[in-house]
């Protein structure tokens, strides 16, 4: 599991995707959920190392990536 001290480091999600941890929001609400039905949950924001679309993941399933 990762925490805020891992921001800026390479991390790996449960699907094997590797990227740079940009932030962790402990009480994120998905704006695509219907109003009044949004659930707060912790989210890690991860960006691909060489550019591309950022994704989010449950911080409990993300680990620090091995360095090569």
N, C-alpha and C. Protein backbone atom coordinates (compact mmCIF):
# COMPACT_ATOMS: atom_id res chain seq x y z
N UNK A 1 0.84 -1.18 0.00
CA UNK A 1 0.00 0.00 0.00
C UNK A 1 0.89 1.24 0.00
N UNK A 2 0.40 2.27 -0.67
CA UNK A 2 1.15 3.52 -0.76
C UNK A 2 0.51 4.58 0.13
N UNK A 3 1.24 5.66 0.34
CA UNK A 3 0.69 6.80 1.07
C UNK A 3 1.25 8.08 0.46
N UNK A 4 0.97 9.21 1.07
CA UNK A 4 1.37 10.50 0.49
C UNK A 4 2.89 10.65 0.35
N UNK A 5 3.67 9.90 1.10
CA UNK A 5 5.13 9.98 0.97
C UNK A 5 5.61 9.38 -0.35
N UNK A 6 4.74 8.64 -1.04
CA UNK A 6 5.10 8.03 -2.32
C UNK A 6 4.79 8.92 -3.52
N UNK A 7 4.20 10.10 -3.30
CA UNK A 7 3.88 11.00 -4.40
C UNK A 7 5.17 11.37 -5.13
N UNK A 8 5.13 11.27 -6.46
CA UNK A 8 6.30 11.54 -7.30
C UNK A 8 7.11 10.31 -7.63
N UNK A 9 6.78 9.18 -7.02
CA UNK A 9 7.51 7.94 -7.26
C UNK A 9 6.74 7.01 -8.20
N UNK A 10 7.48 6.05 -8.77
CA UNK A 10 6.85 5.04 -9.63
C UNK A 10 6.05 4.08 -8.77
N UNK A 11 4.82 3.81 -9.20
CA UNK A 11 3.94 2.88 -8.50
C UNK A 11 3.33 1.91 -9.51
N UNK A 12 2.78 0.83 -8.99
CA UNK A 12 2.15 -0.19 -9.85
C UNK A 12 0.78 -0.50 -9.28
N UNK A 13 -0.22 -0.54 -10.18
CA UNK A 13 -1.57 -0.86 -9.72
C UNK A 13 -1.80 -2.36 -9.81
N UNK A 14 -2.97 -2.80 -9.39
CA UNK A 14 -3.31 -4.22 -9.33
C UNK A 14 -3.32 -4.88 -10.71
N UNK A 15 -3.45 -4.08 -11.77
CA UNK A 15 -3.47 -4.61 -13.14
C UNK A 15 -2.09 -4.64 -13.78
N UNK A 16 -1.07 -4.21 -13.04
CA UNK A 16 0.29 -4.23 -13.56
C UNK A 16 0.71 -2.96 -14.27
N UNK A 17 -0.18 -1.97 -14.32
CA UNK A 17 0.18 -0.70 -14.96
C UNK A 17 1.12 0.07 -14.04
N UNK A 18 2.16 0.64 -14.62
CA UNK A 18 3.16 1.40 -13.85
C UNK A 18 3.07 2.86 -14.25
N UNK A 19 3.12 3.74 -13.27
CA UNK A 19 3.08 5.17 -13.53
C UNK A 19 3.62 5.93 -12.35
N UNK A 20 3.48 7.24 -12.41
CA UNK A 20 3.96 8.13 -11.34
C UNK A 20 2.77 8.54 -10.49
N UNK A 21 2.89 8.34 -9.19
CA UNK A 21 1.83 8.75 -8.28
C UNK A 21 1.79 10.27 -8.22
N UNK A 22 0.65 10.85 -8.57
CA UNK A 22 0.49 12.31 -8.58
C UNK A 22 -0.14 12.84 -7.30
N UNK A 23 -1.09 12.10 -6.75
CA UNK A 23 -1.77 12.57 -5.54
C UNK A 23 -2.60 11.45 -4.96
N UNK A 24 -2.99 11.61 -3.71
CA UNK A 24 -3.94 10.73 -3.04
C UNK A 24 -5.00 11.62 -2.40
N UNK A 25 -6.25 11.34 -2.71
CA UNK A 25 -7.37 12.07 -2.10
C UNK A 25 -8.10 11.08 -1.20
N UNK A 26 -8.09 11.31 0.11
CA UNK A 26 -8.71 10.36 1.04
C UNK A 26 -10.24 10.39 1.02
N UNK A 27 -10.84 11.41 0.41
CA UNK A 27 -12.31 11.52 0.42
C UNK A 27 -12.83 11.98 -0.94
N UNK A 28 -12.40 11.31 -1.99
CA UNK A 28 -12.78 11.68 -3.36
C UNK A 28 -14.19 11.23 -3.68
N UNK A 29 -14.93 12.08 -4.38
CA UNK A 29 -16.27 11.75 -4.87
C UNK A 29 -16.23 11.75 -6.39
N UNK A 30 -16.63 10.67 -7.02
CA UNK A 30 -16.63 10.57 -8.47
C UNK A 30 -17.69 11.50 -9.05
N UNK A 31 -17.30 12.50 -9.85
CA UNK A 31 -18.28 13.42 -10.39
C UNK A 31 -19.24 12.77 -11.39
N UNK A 32 -18.93 11.57 -11.87
CA UNK A 32 -19.85 10.89 -12.79
C UNK A 32 -20.96 10.14 -12.06
N UNK A 33 -20.84 10.00 -10.73
CA UNK A 33 -21.93 9.41 -9.95
C UNK A 33 -23.08 10.40 -9.87
N UNK A 34 -24.31 9.92 -9.79
CA UNK A 34 -25.45 10.83 -9.68
C UNK A 34 -25.37 11.67 -8.40
N UNK A 35 -25.81 12.93 -8.49
CA UNK A 35 -25.83 13.76 -7.28
C UNK A 35 -26.65 13.07 -6.18
N UNK A 36 -26.27 13.31 -4.95
CA UNK A 36 -26.91 12.73 -3.76
C UNK A 36 -26.70 11.22 -3.65
N UNK A 37 -25.91 10.63 -4.55
CA UNK A 37 -25.59 9.20 -4.47
C UNK A 37 -24.08 8.99 -4.56
N UNK A 38 -23.34 10.05 -4.32
CA UNK A 38 -21.88 9.96 -4.40
C UNK A 38 -21.32 9.42 -3.09
N UNK A 39 -20.35 8.55 -3.23
CA UNK A 39 -19.71 7.94 -2.08
C UNK A 39 -18.28 8.47 -1.99
N UNK A 40 -17.88 8.89 -0.81
CA UNK A 40 -16.50 9.32 -0.61
C UNK A 40 -15.63 8.09 -0.40
N UNK A 41 -14.52 8.08 -1.10
CA UNK A 41 -13.60 6.95 -0.98
C UNK A 41 -12.18 7.44 -1.28
N UNK A 42 -11.17 6.76 -0.75
CA UNK A 42 -9.79 7.16 -1.05
C UNK A 42 -9.43 6.77 -2.49
N UNK A 43 -8.69 7.66 -3.15
CA UNK A 43 -8.29 7.42 -4.54
C UNK A 43 -6.86 7.89 -4.74
N UNK A 44 -6.09 7.08 -5.48
CA UNK A 44 -4.73 7.45 -5.90
C UNK A 44 -4.80 7.86 -7.36
N UNK A 45 -4.20 8.98 -7.70
CA UNK A 45 -4.14 9.45 -9.08
C UNK A 45 -2.76 9.14 -9.63
N UNK A 46 -2.73 8.40 -10.74
CA UNK A 46 -1.48 7.90 -11.30
C UNK A 46 -1.38 8.34 -12.76
N UNK A 47 -0.22 8.84 -13.17
CA UNK A 47 -0.01 9.27 -14.55
C UNK A 47 1.04 8.39 -15.20
N UNK A 48 0.88 8.07 -16.49
CA UNK A 48 1.90 7.31 -17.20
C UNK A 48 3.25 8.05 -17.16
N UNK A 49 4.32 7.30 -17.10
CA UNK A 49 5.65 7.91 -17.00
C UNK A 49 5.99 8.80 -18.18
N UNK A 50 5.56 8.43 -19.37
CA UNK A 50 5.96 9.15 -20.59
C UNK A 50 4.79 9.87 -21.23
N UNK A 51 3.85 10.29 -20.42
CA UNK A 51 2.70 11.03 -20.93
C UNK A 51 1.53 10.11 -21.23
N UNK A 52 0.37 10.70 -21.33
CA UNK A 52 -0.83 9.93 -21.59
C UNK A 52 -1.90 10.27 -20.57
N UNK A 53 -2.93 9.50 -20.56
CA UNK A 53 -4.09 9.77 -19.70
C UNK A 53 -3.87 9.24 -18.29
N UNK A 54 -4.08 10.14 -17.34
CA UNK A 54 -3.99 9.77 -15.93
C UNK A 54 -5.14 8.82 -15.58
N UNK A 55 -4.90 7.92 -14.62
CA UNK A 55 -5.97 7.05 -14.15
C UNK A 55 -5.99 7.07 -12.63
N UNK A 56 -7.04 6.53 -12.07
CA UNK A 56 -7.11 6.47 -10.61
C UNK A 56 -7.31 5.04 -10.16
N UNK A 57 -6.91 4.79 -8.92
CA UNK A 57 -6.98 3.44 -8.36
C UNK A 57 -7.17 3.54 -6.86
N UNK A 58 -7.63 2.46 -6.28
CA UNK A 58 -7.74 2.36 -4.82
C UNK A 58 -6.32 2.31 -4.25
N UNK A 59 -5.96 3.26 -3.38
CA UNK A 59 -4.59 3.27 -2.84
C UNK A 59 -4.20 1.98 -2.12
N UNK A 60 -5.18 1.24 -1.62
CA UNK A 60 -4.90 -0.01 -0.94
C UNK A 60 -4.42 -1.11 -1.87
N UNK A 61 -4.60 -0.91 -3.18
CA UNK A 61 -4.19 -1.92 -4.15
C UNK A 61 -2.97 -1.49 -4.95
N UNK A 62 -2.38 -0.33 -4.62
CA UNK A 62 -1.24 0.20 -5.34
C UNK A 62 0.02 0.01 -4.48
N UNK A 63 1.12 -0.38 -5.14
CA UNK A 63 2.40 -0.58 -4.44
C UNK A 63 3.48 0.22 -5.12
N UNK A 64 4.57 0.44 -4.40
CA UNK A 64 5.72 1.10 -4.99
C UNK A 64 6.30 0.15 -6.04
N UNK A 65 6.59 0.66 -7.25
CA UNK A 65 7.12 -0.16 -8.34
C UNK A 65 8.59 -0.45 -8.11
N UNK A 66 8.99 -1.61 -8.56
CA UNK A 66 10.40 -1.99 -8.50
C UNK A 66 11.19 -1.14 -9.48
N UNK A 67 12.39 -0.71 -9.09
CA UNK A 67 13.23 0.04 -9.98
C UNK A 67 14.01 -0.92 -10.85
N UNK A 68 14.22 -0.52 -12.08
CA UNK A 68 14.96 -1.41 -13.00
C UNK A 68 16.38 -0.99 -13.17
